[in-house]
Full PDB file with SEQRES, HELIX, SHEET, SSBOND, CRYST1, ORIGX, SCALE, CONECT and MASTER records, all heavy atoms in Angstrom:
SEQRES   1 A   41  ASN SER LEU LYS VAL GLU ASP THR ALA LEU TYR TYR CYS          
SEQRES   2 A   41  ALA ALA GLY LEU ILE SER LEU GLY CYS GLY LEU ASP GLU          
SEQRES   3 A   41  ARG GLN TYR ASN TYR TRP GLY GLN GLY THR GLN VAL THR          
SEQRES   4 A   41  VAL SER                                                      
HELIX    1 AA1 VAL A    5  ASP A    7  5                                   3    
HELIX    2 AA2 GLU A   26  GLN A   28  5                                   3    
SHEET    1 AA1 2 ALA A   9  TYR A  11  0                                        
SHEET    2 AA1 2 THR A  36  VAL A  38 -1                                        
SHEET    1 AA2 2 ALA A  14  ALA A  15  0                                        
SHEET    2 AA2 2 TYR A  31  TRP A  32 -1                                        
CRYST1    1.000    1.000    1.000  90.00  90.00  90.00 P 1           1          
ORIGX1      1.000000  0.000000  0.000000        0.00000                         
ORIGX2      0.000000  1.000000  0.000000        0.00000                         
ORIGX3      0.000000  0.000000  1.000000        0.00000                         
SCALE1      1.000000  0.000000  0.000000        0.00000                         
SCALE2      0.000000  1.000000  0.000000        0.00000                         
SCALE3      0.000000  0.000000  1.000000        0.00000                         
ATOM      1  N   ASN A   1       6.941   2.257 -25.341  1.00  0.00           N  
ATOM      2  CA  ASN A   1       6.372   3.462 -25.876  1.00  0.00           C  
ATOM      3  C   ASN A   1       6.203   4.512 -24.750  1.00  0.00           C  
ATOM      4  O   ASN A   1       6.168   4.197 -23.569  1.00  0.00           O  
ATOM      5  CB  ASN A   1       5.066   3.267 -26.618  1.00  0.00           C  
ATOM      6  CG  ASN A   1       5.134   2.366 -27.852  1.00  0.00           C  
ATOM      7  OD1 ASN A   1       6.153   2.362 -28.516  1.00  0.00           O  
ATOM      8  ND2 ASN A   1       4.094   1.708 -28.152  1.00  0.00           N  
ATOM      9  N   SER A   2       6.058   5.790 -25.197  1.00  0.00           N  
ATOM     10  CA  SER A   2       5.906   6.787 -24.234  1.00  0.00           C  
ATOM     11  C   SER A   2       6.799   6.787 -23.105  1.00  0.00           C  
ATOM     12  O   SER A   2       6.372   6.863 -21.962  1.00  0.00           O  
ATOM     13  CB  SER A   2       4.452   6.752 -23.721  1.00  0.00           C  
ATOM     14  OG  SER A   2       3.392   6.863 -24.776  1.00  0.00           O  
ATOM     15  N   LEU A   3       8.086   6.693 -23.405  1.00  0.00           N  
ATOM     16  CA  LEU A   3       9.101   6.558 -22.323  1.00  0.00           C  
ATOM     17  C   LEU A   3       9.064   7.676 -21.441  1.00  0.00           C  
ATOM     18  O   LEU A   3       8.916   8.819 -21.775  1.00  0.00           O  
ATOM     19  CB  LEU A   3      10.399   6.325 -22.911  1.00  0.00           C  
ATOM     20  CG  LEU A   3      10.714   4.960 -23.575  1.00  0.00           C  
ATOM     21  CD1 LEU A   3      11.942   5.034 -24.464  1.00  0.00           C  
ATOM     22  CD2 LEU A   3      10.919   3.930 -22.487  1.00  0.00           C  
ATOM     23  N   LYS A   4       9.313   7.333 -20.176  1.00  0.00           N  
ATOM     24  CA  LYS A   4       9.442   8.331 -19.059  1.00  0.00           C  
ATOM     25  C   LYS A   4      10.880   8.246 -18.434  1.00  0.00           C  
ATOM     26  O   LYS A   4      11.529   7.232 -18.587  1.00  0.00           O  
ATOM     27  CB  LYS A   4       8.432   8.069 -17.950  1.00  0.00           C  
ATOM     28  CG  LYS A   4       6.989   8.043 -18.480  1.00  0.00           C  
ATOM     29  CD  LYS A   4       6.108   7.673 -17.319  1.00  0.00           C  
ATOM     30  CE  LYS A   4       4.620   7.746 -17.749  1.00  0.00           C  
ATOM     31  NZ  LYS A   4       3.735   7.410 -16.660  1.00  0.00           N  
ATOM     32  N   VAL A   5      11.265   9.349 -17.950  1.00  0.00           N  
ATOM     33  CA  VAL A   5      12.518   9.456 -17.142  1.00  0.00           C  
ATOM     34  C   VAL A   5      12.595   8.218 -16.161  1.00  0.00           C  
ATOM     35  O   VAL A   5      13.690   7.606 -16.009  1.00  0.00           O  
ATOM     36  CB  VAL A   5      12.743  10.704 -16.485  1.00  0.00           C  
ATOM     37  CG1 VAL A   5      14.008  10.741 -15.636  1.00  0.00           C  
ATOM     38  CG2 VAL A   5      12.809  11.808 -17.583  1.00  0.00           C  
ATOM     39  N   GLU A   6      11.537   7.913 -15.543  1.00  0.00           N  
ATOM     40  CA  GLU A   6      11.588   6.838 -14.491  1.00  0.00           C  
ATOM     41  C   GLU A   6      11.811   5.467 -15.101  1.00  0.00           C  
ATOM     42  O   GLU A   6      12.063   4.510 -14.337  1.00  0.00           O  
ATOM     43  CB  GLU A   6      10.213   6.843 -13.832  1.00  0.00           C  
ATOM     44  CG  GLU A   6       9.784   8.132 -13.214  1.00  0.00           C  
ATOM     45  CD  GLU A   6       8.894   8.911 -14.233  1.00  0.00           C  
ATOM     46  OE1 GLU A   6       9.422   9.686 -15.012  1.00  0.00           O  
ATOM     47  OE2 GLU A   6       7.644   8.785 -14.024  1.00  0.00           O  
ATOM     48  N   ASP A   7      11.767   5.358 -16.483  1.00  0.00           N  
ATOM     49  CA  ASP A   7      12.093   4.052 -17.062  1.00  0.00           C  
ATOM     50  C   ASP A   7      13.594   3.803 -17.238  1.00  0.00           C  
ATOM     51  O   ASP A   7      14.031   2.706 -17.653  1.00  0.00           O  
ATOM     52  CB  ASP A   7      11.363   4.005 -18.485  1.00  0.00           C  
ATOM     53  CG  ASP A   7       9.910   4.033 -18.401  1.00  0.00           C  
ATOM     54  OD1 ASP A   7       9.322   3.346 -17.558  1.00  0.00           O  
ATOM     55  OD2 ASP A   7       9.376   4.694 -19.262  1.00  0.00           O  
ATOM     56  N   THR A   8      14.373   4.864 -16.878  1.00  0.00           N  
ATOM     57  CA  THR A   8      15.793   4.699 -16.969  1.00  0.00           C  
ATOM     58  C   THR A   8      16.267   3.541 -16.093  1.00  0.00           C  
ATOM     59  O   THR A   8      16.007   3.507 -14.899  1.00  0.00           O  
ATOM     60  CB  THR A   8      16.511   5.956 -16.584  1.00  0.00           C  
ATOM     61  OG1 THR A   8      16.155   7.019 -17.567  1.00  0.00           O  
ATOM     62  CG2 THR A   8      18.048   5.801 -16.562  1.00  0.00           C  
ATOM     63  N   ALA A   9      16.960   2.572 -16.721  1.00  0.00           N  
ATOM     64  CA  ALA A   9      17.509   1.404 -15.932  1.00  0.00           C  
ATOM     65  C   ALA A   9      18.244   0.511 -16.845  1.00  0.00           C  
ATOM     66  O   ALA A   9      18.229   0.703 -18.069  1.00  0.00           O  
ATOM     67  CB  ALA A   9      16.256   0.617 -15.339  1.00  0.00           C  
ATOM     68  N   LEU A  10      18.879  -0.462 -16.218  1.00  0.00           N  
ATOM     69  CA  LEU A  10      19.510  -1.508 -16.863  1.00  0.00           C  
ATOM     70  C   LEU A  10      18.508  -2.667 -17.097  1.00  0.00           C  
ATOM     71  O   LEU A  10      17.906  -3.158 -16.087  1.00  0.00           O  
ATOM     72  CB  LEU A  10      20.723  -2.071 -16.258  1.00  0.00           C  
ATOM     73  CG  LEU A  10      21.560  -3.092 -16.912  1.00  0.00           C  
ATOM     74  CD1 LEU A  10      22.321  -2.501 -18.178  1.00  0.00           C  
ATOM     75  CD2 LEU A  10      22.727  -3.679 -16.023  1.00  0.00           C  
ATOM     76  N   TYR A  11      18.173  -2.992 -18.363  1.00  0.00           N  
ATOM     77  CA  TYR A  11      17.096  -3.994 -18.588  1.00  0.00           C  
ATOM     78  C   TYR A  11      17.691  -5.346 -18.826  1.00  0.00           C  
ATOM     79  O   TYR A  11      18.607  -5.489 -19.683  1.00  0.00           O  
ATOM     80  CB  TYR A  11      16.216  -3.528 -19.727  1.00  0.00           C  
ATOM     81  CG  TYR A  11      15.240  -2.338 -19.378  1.00  0.00           C  
ATOM     82  CD1 TYR A  11      15.757  -1.140 -19.152  1.00  0.00           C  
ATOM     83  CD2 TYR A  11      13.888  -2.616 -19.324  1.00  0.00           C  
ATOM     84  CE1 TYR A  11      14.879  -0.097 -18.868  1.00  0.00           C  
ATOM     85  CE2 TYR A  11      13.040  -1.685 -18.992  1.00  0.00           C  
ATOM     86  CZ  TYR A  11      13.480  -0.365 -18.779  1.00  0.00           C  
ATOM     87  OH  TYR A  11      12.652   0.585 -18.393  1.00  0.00           O  
ATOM     88  N   TYR A  12      17.185  -6.284 -18.264  1.00  0.00           N  
ATOM     89  CA  TYR A  12      17.558  -7.722 -18.375  1.00  0.00           C  
ATOM     90  C   TYR A  12      16.543  -8.612 -18.984  1.00  0.00           C  
ATOM     91  O   TYR A  12      15.264  -8.458 -18.694  1.00  0.00           O  
ATOM     92  CB  TYR A  12      17.891  -8.294 -16.936  1.00  0.00           C  
ATOM     93  CG  TYR A  12      19.049  -7.605 -16.185  1.00  0.00           C  
ATOM     94  CD1 TYR A  12      18.810  -6.624 -15.346  1.00  0.00           C  
ATOM     95  CD2 TYR A  12      20.300  -8.057 -16.336  1.00  0.00           C  
ATOM     96  CE1 TYR A  12      19.813  -6.013 -14.655  1.00  0.00           C  
ATOM     97  CE2 TYR A  12      21.404  -7.546 -15.654  1.00  0.00           C  
ATOM     98  CZ  TYR A  12      21.012  -6.456 -14.804  1.00  0.00           C  
ATOM     99  OH  TYR A  12      22.111  -5.811 -14.096  1.00  0.00           O  
ATOM    100  N   CYS A  13      16.927  -9.478 -19.776  1.00  0.00           N  
ATOM    101  CA  CYS A  13      16.117 -10.572 -20.328  1.00  0.00           C  
ATOM    102  C   CYS A  13      16.377 -11.799 -19.539  1.00  0.00           C  
ATOM    103  O   CYS A  13      17.487 -12.090 -19.250  1.00  0.00           O  
ATOM    104  CB  CYS A  13      16.408 -10.746 -21.851  1.00  0.00           C  
ATOM    105  SG  CYS A  13      15.534 -12.137 -22.704  1.00  0.00           S  
ATOM    106  N   ALA A  14      15.380 -12.557 -19.263  1.00  0.00           N  
ATOM    107  CA  ALA A  14      15.483 -13.787 -18.443  1.00  0.00           C  
ATOM    108  C   ALA A  14      14.601 -14.810 -19.136  1.00  0.00           C  
ATOM    109  O   ALA A  14      13.473 -14.623 -19.505  1.00  0.00           O  
ATOM    110  CB  ALA A  14      15.152 -13.564 -16.987  1.00  0.00           C  
ATOM    111  N   ALA A  15      15.073 -16.140 -19.009  1.00  0.00           N  
ATOM    112  CA  ALA A  15      14.387 -17.275 -19.511  1.00  0.00           C  
ATOM    113  C   ALA A  15      14.247 -18.215 -18.259  1.00  0.00           C  
ATOM    114  O   ALA A  15      15.114 -18.427 -17.506  1.00  0.00           O  
ATOM    115  CB  ALA A  15      15.153 -17.964 -20.588  1.00  0.00           C  
ATOM    116  N   GLY A  16      13.023 -18.751 -18.266  1.00  0.00           N  
ATOM    117  CA  GLY A  16      12.702 -19.602 -17.065  1.00  0.00           C  
ATOM    118  C   GLY A  16      12.281 -20.968 -17.481  1.00  0.00           C  
ATOM    119  O   GLY A  16      11.279 -21.137 -18.321  1.00  0.00           O  
ATOM    120  N   LEU A  17      12.850 -21.957 -16.948  1.00  0.00           N  
ATOM    121  CA  LEU A  17      12.460 -23.424 -17.136  1.00  0.00           C  
ATOM    122  C   LEU A  17      11.921 -23.965 -15.877  1.00  0.00           C  
ATOM    123  O   LEU A  17      11.483 -25.169 -15.877  1.00  0.00           O  
ATOM    124  CB  LEU A  17      13.708 -24.276 -17.652  1.00  0.00           C  
ATOM    125  CG  LEU A  17      14.259 -23.801 -19.004  1.00  0.00           C  
ATOM    126  CD1 LEU A  17      15.464 -24.662 -19.326  1.00  0.00           C  
ATOM    127  CD2 LEU A  17      13.234 -23.939 -20.092  1.00  0.00           C  
ATOM    128  N   ILE A  18      11.956 -23.324 -14.742  1.00  0.00           N  
ATOM    129  CA  ILE A  18      11.375 -23.828 -13.586  1.00  0.00           C  
ATOM    130  C   ILE A  18       9.965 -23.898 -13.534  1.00  0.00           C  
ATOM    131  O   ILE A  18       9.344 -24.900 -13.204  1.00  0.00           O  
ATOM    132  CB  ILE A  18      11.885 -22.971 -12.315  1.00  0.00           C  
ATOM    133  CG1 ILE A  18      13.414 -22.914 -12.222  1.00  0.00           C  
ATOM    134  CG2 ILE A  18      11.218 -23.355 -11.036  1.00  0.00           C  
ATOM    135  CD1 ILE A  18      13.969 -21.928 -11.187  1.00  0.00           C  
ATOM    136  N   SER A  19       9.337 -22.817 -14.088  1.00  0.00           N  
ATOM    137  CA  SER A  19       7.856 -22.722 -14.247  1.00  0.00           C  
ATOM    138  C   SER A  19       7.680 -22.131 -15.575  1.00  0.00           C  
ATOM    139  O   SER A  19       8.298 -21.139 -15.971  1.00  0.00           O  
ATOM    140  CB  SER A  19       7.295 -21.911 -13.213  1.00  0.00           C  
ATOM    141  OG  SER A  19       5.878 -21.769 -13.514  1.00  0.00           O  
ATOM    142  N   LEU A  20       6.767 -22.760 -16.452  1.00  0.00           N  
ATOM    143  CA  LEU A  20       6.543 -22.162 -17.788  1.00  0.00           C  
ATOM    144  C   LEU A  20       5.408 -21.143 -17.796  1.00  0.00           C  
ATOM    145  O   LEU A  20       5.103 -20.621 -18.790  1.00  0.00           O  
ATOM    146  CB  LEU A  20       6.184 -23.447 -18.713  1.00  0.00           C  
ATOM    147  CG  LEU A  20       7.344 -24.390 -18.886  1.00  0.00           C  
ATOM    148  CD1 LEU A  20       6.940 -25.506 -19.927  1.00  0.00           C  
ATOM    149  CD2 LEU A  20       8.597 -23.712 -19.414  1.00  0.00           C  
ATOM    150  N   GLY A  21       4.826 -20.959 -16.532  1.00  0.00           N  
ATOM    151  CA  GLY A  21       3.837 -19.886 -16.496  1.00  0.00           C  
ATOM    152  C   GLY A  21       4.589 -18.545 -16.462  1.00  0.00           C  
ATOM    153  O   GLY A  21       5.790 -18.517 -16.383  1.00  0.00           O  
ATOM    154  N   CYS A  22       3.795 -17.589 -16.544  1.00  0.00           N  
ATOM    155  CA  CYS A  22       4.377 -16.210 -16.629  1.00  0.00           C  
ATOM    156  C   CYS A  22       4.220 -15.565 -15.293  1.00  0.00           C  
ATOM    157  O   CYS A  22       3.144 -15.535 -14.571  1.00  0.00           O  
ATOM    158  CB  CYS A  22       3.583 -15.336 -17.617  1.00  0.00           C  
ATOM    159  SG  CYS A  22       4.032 -13.555 -17.704  1.00  0.00           S  
ATOM    160  N   GLY A  23       5.302 -15.045 -14.794  1.00  0.00           N  
ATOM    161  CA  GLY A  23       5.392 -14.310 -13.510  1.00  0.00           C  
ATOM    162  C   GLY A  23       6.447 -13.305 -13.541  1.00  0.00           C  
ATOM    163  O   GLY A  23       7.397 -13.282 -14.259  1.00  0.00           O  
ATOM    164  N   LEU A  24       6.403 -12.368 -12.629  1.00  0.00           N  
ATOM    165  CA  LEU A  24       7.371 -11.334 -12.405  1.00  0.00           C  
ATOM    166  C   LEU A  24       8.286 -11.509 -11.248  1.00  0.00           C  
ATOM    167  O   LEU A  24       9.026 -10.603 -10.803  1.00  0.00           O  
ATOM    168  CB  LEU A  24       6.686  -9.926 -12.276  1.00  0.00           C  
ATOM    169  CG  LEU A  24       5.855  -9.479 -13.574  1.00  0.00           C  
ATOM    170  CD1 LEU A  24       5.077  -8.192 -13.212  1.00  0.00           C  
ATOM    171  CD2 LEU A  24       6.697  -9.459 -14.801  1.00  0.00           C  
ATOM    172  N   ASP A  25       8.273 -12.683 -10.738  1.00  0.00           N  
ATOM    173  CA  ASP A  25       9.193 -13.128  -9.640  1.00  0.00           C  
ATOM    174  C   ASP A  25      10.489 -13.728 -10.262  1.00  0.00           C  
ATOM    175  O   ASP A  25      10.459 -14.615 -10.995  1.00  0.00           O  
ATOM    176  CB  ASP A  25       8.479 -14.242  -8.834  1.00  0.00           C  
ATOM    177  CG  ASP A  25       9.331 -14.501  -7.529  1.00  0.00           C  
ATOM    178  OD1 ASP A  25      10.513 -14.278  -7.472  1.00  0.00           O  
ATOM    179  OD2 ASP A  25       8.781 -15.175  -6.662  1.00  0.00           O  
ATOM    180  N   GLU A  26      11.619 -13.092  -9.993  1.00  0.00           N  
ATOM    181  CA  GLU A  26      12.848 -13.502 -10.656  1.00  0.00           C  
ATOM    182  C   GLU A  26      13.271 -14.902 -10.232  1.00  0.00           C  
ATOM    183  O   GLU A  26      14.117 -15.504 -10.966  1.00  0.00           O  
ATOM    184  CB  GLU A  26      13.961 -12.518 -10.343  1.00  0.00           C  
ATOM    185  CG  GLU A  26      14.395 -12.412  -8.895  1.00  0.00           C  
ATOM    186  CD  GLU A  26      15.511 -11.385  -8.720  1.00  0.00           C  
ATOM    187  OE1 GLU A  26      15.330 -10.212  -9.081  1.00  0.00           O  
ATOM    188  OE2 GLU A  26      16.630 -11.735  -8.274  1.00  0.00           O  
ATOM    189  N   ARG A  27      12.685 -15.475  -9.212  1.00  0.00           N  
ATOM    190  CA  ARG A  27      13.050 -16.746  -8.827  1.00  0.00           C  
ATOM    191  C   ARG A  27      12.540 -17.851  -9.825  1.00  0.00           C  
ATOM    192  O   ARG A  27      13.058 -18.949  -9.820  1.00  0.00           O  
ATOM    193  CB  ARG A  27      12.525 -17.127  -7.370  1.00  0.00           C  
ATOM    194  CG  ARG A  27      13.119 -16.385  -6.311  1.00  0.00           C  
ATOM    195  CD  ARG A  27      12.486 -16.586  -4.976  1.00  0.00           C  
ATOM    196  NE  ARG A  27      11.051 -16.159  -5.024  1.00  0.00           N  
ATOM    197  CZ  ARG A  27      10.270 -16.209  -3.946  1.00  0.00           C  
ATOM    198  NH1 ARG A  27      10.729 -16.692  -2.785  1.00  0.00           N  
ATOM    199  NH2 ARG A  27       9.045 -15.777  -4.033  1.00  0.00           N  
ATOM    200  N   GLN A  28      11.672 -17.392 -10.662  1.00  0.00           N  
ATOM    201  CA  GLN A  28      11.081 -18.240 -11.762  1.00  0.00           C  
ATOM    202  C   GLN A  28      12.090 -18.410 -12.903  1.00  0.00           C  
ATOM    203  O   GLN A  28      11.889 -19.398 -13.656  1.00  0.00           O  
ATOM    204  CB  GLN A  28       9.780 -17.587 -12.224  1.00  0.00           C  
ATOM    205  CG  GLN A  28       9.063 -18.318 -13.242  1.00  0.00           C  
ATOM    206  CD  GLN A  28       7.774 -17.670 -13.648  1.00  0.00           C  
ATOM    207  OE1 GLN A  28       7.252 -16.762 -12.968  1.00  0.00           O  
ATOM    208  NE2 GLN A  28       7.281 -17.949 -14.864  1.00  0.00           N  
ATOM    209  N   TYR A  29      13.105 -17.716 -12.958  1.00  0.00           N  
ATOM    210  CA  TYR A  29      13.974 -17.657 -14.124  1.00  0.00           C  
ATOM    211  C   TYR A  29      15.357 -18.266 -13.873  1.00  0.00           C  
ATOM    212  O   TYR A  29      16.002 -17.971 -12.885  1.00  0.00           O  
ATOM    213  CB  TYR A  29      14.077 -16.289 -14.695  1.00  0.00           C  
ATOM    214  CG  TYR A  29      12.708 -15.721 -15.086  1.00  0.00           C  
ATOM    215  CD1 TYR A  29      11.954 -15.014 -14.113  1.00  0.00           C  
ATOM    216  CD2 TYR A  29      12.139 -16.054 -16.316  1.00  0.00           C  
ATOM    217  CE1 TYR A  29      10.690 -14.624 -14.454  1.00  0.00           C  
ATOM    218  CE2 TYR A  29      10.955 -15.555 -16.648  1.00  0.00           C  
ATOM    219  CZ  TYR A  29      10.152 -14.871 -15.715  1.00  0.00           C  
ATOM    220  OH  TYR A  29       8.881 -14.456 -16.028  1.00  0.00           O  
ATOM    221  N   ASN A  30      15.878 -18.956 -14.899  1.00  0.00           N  
ATOM    222  CA  ASN A  30      17.131 -19.707 -14.741  1.00  0.00           C  
ATOM    223  C   ASN A  30      18.345 -18.977 -15.459  1.00  0.00           C  
ATOM    224  O   ASN A  30      19.392 -18.992 -14.924  1.00  0.00           O  
ATOM    225  CB  ASN A  30      17.006 -21.118 -15.371  1.00  0.00           C  
ATOM    226  CG  ASN A  30      15.905 -22.000 -14.863  1.00  0.00           C  
ATOM    227  OD1 ASN A  30      14.810 -21.902 -15.285  1.00  0.00           O  
ATOM    228  ND2 ASN A  30      16.170 -22.665 -13.858  1.00  0.00           N  
ATOM    229  N   TYR A  31      17.987 -18.385 -16.597  1.00  0.00           N  
ATOM    230  CA  TYR A  31      19.106 -17.841 -17.347  1.00  0.00           C  
ATOM    231  C   TYR A  31      18.843 -16.395 -17.616  1.00  0.00           C  
ATOM    232  O   TYR A  31      17.734 -15.770 -17.848  1.00  0.00           O  
ATOM    233  CB  TYR A  31      19.082 -18.508 -18.697  1.00  0.00           C  
ATOM    234  CG  TYR A  31      19.243 -20.083 -18.579  1.00  0.00           C  
ATOM    235  CD1 TYR A  31      18.171 -20.877 -18.778  1.00  0.00           C  
ATOM    236  CD2 TYR A  31      20.540 -20.556 -18.190  1.00  0.00           C  
ATOM    237  CE1 TYR A  31      18.307 -22.292 -18.699  1.00  0.00           C  
ATOM    238  CE2 TYR A  31      20.682 -21.957 -18.086  1.00  0.00           C  
ATOM    239  CZ  TYR A  31      19.539 -22.788 -18.357  1.00  0.00           C  
ATOM    240  OH  TYR A  31      19.729 -24.161 -18.236  1.00  0.00           O  
ATOM    241  N   TRP A  32      19.929 -15.634 -17.458  1.00  0.00           N  
ATOM    242  CA  TRP A  32      19.909 -14.160 -17.435  1.00  0.00           C  
ATOM    243  C   TRP A  32      20.864 -13.584 -18.532  1.00  0.00           C  
ATOM    244  O   TRP A  32      22.003 -14.030 -18.563  1.00  0.00           O  
ATOM    245  CB  TRP A  32      20.142 -13.564 -16.084  1.00  0.00           C  
ATOM    246  CG  TRP A  32      19.015 -13.960 -15.175  1.00  0.00           C  
ATOM    247  CD1 TRP A  32      18.880 -15.076 -14.469  1.00  0.00           C  
ATOM    248  CD2 TRP A  32      17.989 -13.053 -14.625  1.00  0.00           C  
ATOM    249  NE1 TRP A  32      17.797 -15.027 -13.609  1.00  0.00           N  
ATOM    250  CE2 TRP A  32      17.258 -13.791 -13.771  1.00  0.00           C  
ATOM    251  CE3 TRP A  32      17.619 -11.683 -15.033  1.00  0.00           C  
ATOM    252  CZ2 TRP A  32      16.037 -13.203 -13.093  1.00  0.00           C  
ATOM    253  CZ3 TRP A  32      16.610 -11.201 -14.326  1.00  0.00           C  
ATOM    254  CH2 TRP A  32      15.844 -11.904 -13.376  1.00  0.00           C  
ATOM    255  N   GLY A  33      20.510 -12.490 -19.138  1.00  0.00           N  
ATOM    256  CA  GLY A  33      21.485 -11.789 -19.986  1.00  0.00           C  
ATOM    257  C   GLY A  33      22.227 -10.728 -19.092  1.00  0.00           C  
ATOM    258  O   GLY A  33      21.994 -10.650 -17.929  1.00  0.00           O  
ATOM    259  N   GLN A  34      23.145 -10.103 -19.766  1.00  0.00           N  
ATOM    260  CA  GLN A  34      24.081  -9.186 -19.080  1.00  0.00           C  
ATOM    261  C   GLN A  34      23.365  -7.815 -18.941  1.00  0.00           C  
ATOM    262  O   GLN A  34      23.825  -6.972 -18.082  1.00  0.00           O  
ATOM    263  CB  GLN A  34      25.312  -8.983 -19.867  1.00  0.00           C  
ATOM    264  CG  GLN A  34      26.211 -10.214 -20.001  1.00  0.00           C  
ATOM    265  CD  GLN A  34      26.971 -10.590 -18.879  1.00  0.00           C  
ATOM    266  OE1 GLN A  34      26.614 -10.328 -17.657  1.00  0.00           O  
ATOM    267  NE2 GLN A  34      28.180 -11.077 -18.996  1.00  0.00           N  
ATOM    268  N   GLY A  35      22.315  -7.474 -19.628  1.00  0.00           N  
ATOM    269  CA  GLY A  35      21.607  -6.234 -19.553  1.00  0.00           C  
ATOM    270  C   GLY A  35      21.943  -5.285 -20.672  1.00  0.00           C  
ATOM    271  O   GLY A  35      22.981  -5.325 -21.227  1.00  0.00           O  
ATOM    272  N   THR A  36      21.001  -4.413 -20.906  1.00  0.00           N  
ATOM    273  CA  THR A  36      21.172  -3.411 -21.838  1.00  0.00           C  
ATOM    274  C   THR A  36      20.569  -2.140 -21.327  1.00  0.00           C  
ATOM    275  O   THR A  36      19.524  -2.057 -20.803  1.00  0.00           O  
ATOM    276  CB  THR A  36      20.421  -3.789 -23.232  1.00  0.00           C  
ATOM    277  OG1 THR A  36      20.709  -2.747 -24.188  1.00  0.00           O  
ATOM    278  CG2 THR A  36      18.864  -3.823 -23.107  1.00  0.00           C  
ATOM    279  N   GLN A  37      21.307  -1.119 -21.435  1.00  0.00           N  
ATOM    280  CA  GLN A  37      21.007   0.182 -20.747  1.00  0.00           C  
ATOM    281  C   GLN A  37      19.990   1.006 -21.534  1.00  0.00           C  
ATOM    282  O   GLN A  37      20.211   1.380 -22.731  1.00  0.00           O  
ATOM    283  CB  GLN A  37      22.355   1.046 -20.557  1.00  0.00           C  
ATOM    284  CG  GLN A  37      22.085   2.365 -19.854  1.00  0.00           C  
ATOM    285  CD  GLN A  37      21.637   2.165 -18.362  1.00  0.00           C  
ATOM    286  OE1 GLN A  37      22.069   1.344 -17.685  1.00  0.00           O  
ATOM    287  NE2 GLN A  37      20.702   2.989 -17.957  1.00  0.00           N  
ATOM    288  N   VAL A  38      18.960   1.483 -20.864  1.00  0.00           N  
ATOM    289  CA  VAL A  38      17.970   2.386 -21.349  1.00  0.00           C  
ATOM    290  C   VAL A  38      18.049   3.722 -20.519  1.00  0.00           C  
ATOM    291  O   VAL A  38      17.928   3.634 -19.272  1.00  0.00           O  
ATOM    292  CB  VAL A  38      16.553   1.824 -21.326  1.00  0.00           C  
ATOM    293  CG1 VAL A  38      15.549   2.897 -21.726  1.00  0.00           C  
ATOM    294  CG2 VAL A  38      16.400   0.625 -22.221  1.00  0.00           C  
ATOM    295  N   THR A  39      18.283   4.763 -21.161  1.00  0.00           N  
ATOM    296  CA  THR A  39      18.414   6.041 -20.522  1.00  0.00           C  
ATOM    297  C   THR A  39      17.465   7.033 -21.141  1.00  0.00           C  
ATOM    298  O   THR A  39      17.606   7.360 -22.356  1.00  0.00           O  
ATOM    299  CB  THR A  39      19.843   6.629 -20.526  1.00  0.00           C  
ATOM    300  OG1 THR A  39      20.799   5.691 -19.932  1.00  0.00           O  
ATOM    301  CG2 THR A  39      19.916   7.880 -19.775  1.00  0.00           C  
ATOM    302  N   VAL A  40      16.517   7.593 -20.369  1.00  0.00           N  
ATOM    303  CA  VAL A  40      15.562   8.469 -20.835  1.00  0.00           C  
ATOM    304  C   VAL A  40      15.689   9.855 -20.228  1.00  0.00           C  
ATOM    305  O   VAL A  40      15.785  10.036 -18.934  1.00  0.00           O  
ATOM    306  CB  VAL A  40      14.114   7.945 -20.445  1.00  0.00           C  
ATOM    307  CG1 VAL A  40      13.093   8.875 -21.123  1.00  0.00           C  
ATOM    308  CG2 VAL A  40      13.928   6.533 -20.990  1.00  0.00           C  
ATOM    309  N   SER A  41      15.863  10.839 -21.080  1.00  0.00           N  
ATOM    310  CA  SER A  41      16.034  12.232 -20.653  1.00  0.00           C  
ATOM    311  C   SER A  41      14.780  13.051 -20.890  1.00  0.00           C  
ATOM    312  O   SER A  41      14.094  12.782 -21.909  1.00  0.00           O  
ATOM    313  CB  SER A  41      17.250  12.860 -21.373  1.00  0.00           C  
ATOM    314  OG  SER A  41      18.373  12.138 -21.101  1.00  0.00           O  
TER     315      SER A  41                                                      
MASTER        0    0    0    2    4    0    0    6  314    1    0    4          
END                                                                             
């Protein structure tokens, strides 16, 4: 919500089996999508 121009990016979804806890470290994740583009003007 309330998108900003700064949110423009390729967004990836990732699944992690290394640790089932929640973290923002990409080393925690095993499987990655190809990305979906979000462009805010």
